[in-house]
Amino acid sequence: MKVDVYKRTEENDLCSYLVVPHEQPLPQEVASTEWLVHELDVDFERTGKTHFTLEPDDAFQQIGEKGYAISHLNDRTKDGNVH
């Protein structure tokens, strides 16, 4: 699946990531938050590999339920520690 990835820096330099299917607008419930484009047109697959702190199965479930996936509070990471 092709996605667009957004990043938000929070307290203690922790970052959350938001993944939206490629070229889809930010959902209204998150549009008022300060999300910055991190990467566009990214291959996001169920390879078992974590993408932007998001576990693939969880991310695909979130996208199916609400149209986007977002980092869980416990999965936030320091800026620059993303793979």
Protein backbone atom coordinates (compact mmCIF):
# COMPACT_ATOMS: atom_id res chain seq x y z
CA MET A 1 0.00 0.00 0.00
CA LYS A 2 1.24 3.48 -0.82
CA VAL A 3 0.90 5.96 2.04
CA ASP A 4 1.81 9.48 3.02
CA VAL A 5 3.51 9.86 6.40
CA TYR A 6 3.14 12.85 8.69
CA LYS A 7 5.08 13.60 11.86
CA ARG A 8 4.22 15.58 14.98
CA THR A 9 6.78 16.51 17.63
CA GLU A 10 5.43 16.44 21.16
CA GLU A 11 6.77 16.97 24.68
CA ASN A 12 10.27 15.69 25.51
CA ASP A 13 11.14 15.66 21.77
CA LEU A 14 8.98 12.58 21.26
CA CYS A 15 7.43 12.13 17.82
CA SER A 16 4.20 10.53 16.70
CA TYR A 17 3.54 9.41 13.16
CA LEU A 18 0.33 9.48 11.15
CA VAL A 19 -0.06 7.30 8.06
CA VAL A 20 -2.76 8.07 5.48
CA PRO A 21 -3.33 6.27 2.17
CA HIS A 22 -1.40 8.11 -0.55
CA GLU A 23 -2.99 11.32 -1.82
CA GLN A 24 -5.86 11.15 0.68
CA PRO A 25 -6.54 14.28 2.74
CA LEU A 26 -5.87 14.35 6.46
CA PRO A 27 -8.99 13.21 8.28
CA GLN A 28 -10.93 16.06 9.85
CA GLU A 29 -10.39 14.79 13.41
CA VAL A 30 -6.60 15.22 13.07
CA ALA A 31 -6.43 18.15 10.63
CA SER A 32 -6.38 20.75 13.41
CA THR A 33 -3.20 19.26 14.92
CA GLU A 34 0.26 20.29 13.77
CA TRP A 35 1.18 17.38 11.50
CA LEU A 36 4.09 18.02 9.12
CA VAL A 37 4.79 16.03 5.97
CA HIS A 38 7.52 13.50 6.72
CA GLU A 39 7.51 11.33 3.56
CA LEU A 40 5.12 10.97 0.63
CA ASP A 41 4.33 7.97 -1.56
CA VAL A 42 5.89 5.41 0.81
CA ASP A 43 5.57 1.64 0.36
CA PHE A 44 3.91 0.39 3.55
CA GLU A 45 3.60 -3.38 3.52
CA ARG A 46 2.78 -6.18 5.96
CA THR A 47 6.36 -7.43 6.05
CA GLY A 48 6.51 -7.76 9.82
CA LYS A 49 8.87 -4.78 9.88
CA THR A 50 7.91 -1.73 11.94
CA HIS A 51 7.30 1.38 9.85
CA PHE A 52 7.58 4.80 11.54
CA THR A 53 6.93 3.22 14.97
CA LEU A 54 3.79 1.51 13.59
CA GLU A 55 3.41 -2.27 13.60
CA PRO A 56 2.06 -3.30 10.16
CA ASP A 57 -0.93 -5.38 11.33
CA ASP A 58 -2.02 -2.68 13.78
CA ALA A 59 -1.57 0.05 11.17
CA PHE A 60 -3.60 -1.81 8.55
CA GLN A 61 -6.34 -2.42 11.14
CA GLN A 62 -6.40 1.28 12.08
CA ILE A 63 -6.53 2.33 8.42
CA GLY A 64 -9.40 -0.10 7.82
CA GLU A 65 -11.35 1.22 10.82
CA LYS A 66 -10.78 4.96 10.60
CA GLY A 67 -8.90 5.68 7.36
CA TYR A 68 -5.55 6.44 8.97
CA ALA A 69 -3.06 4.98 11.46
CA ILE A 70 -1.36 6.83 14.27
CA SER A 71 1.42 5.97 16.72
CA HIS A 72 0.29 4.74 20.11
CA LEU A 73 1.47 6.86 23.05
CA ASN A 74 3.90 4.15 24.20
CA ASP A 75 5.34 3.83 20.66
CA ARG A 76 6.46 7.41 20.26
CA THR A 77 10.18 7.87 19.67
CA LYS A 78 12.82 10.56 19.84
CA ASP A 79 13.13 12.58 16.66
CA GLY A 80 15.66 10.93 14.37
CA ASN A 81 15.25 7.39 15.78
CA VAL A 82 12.79 6.28 13.10
CA HIS A 83 13.35 3.43 10.68
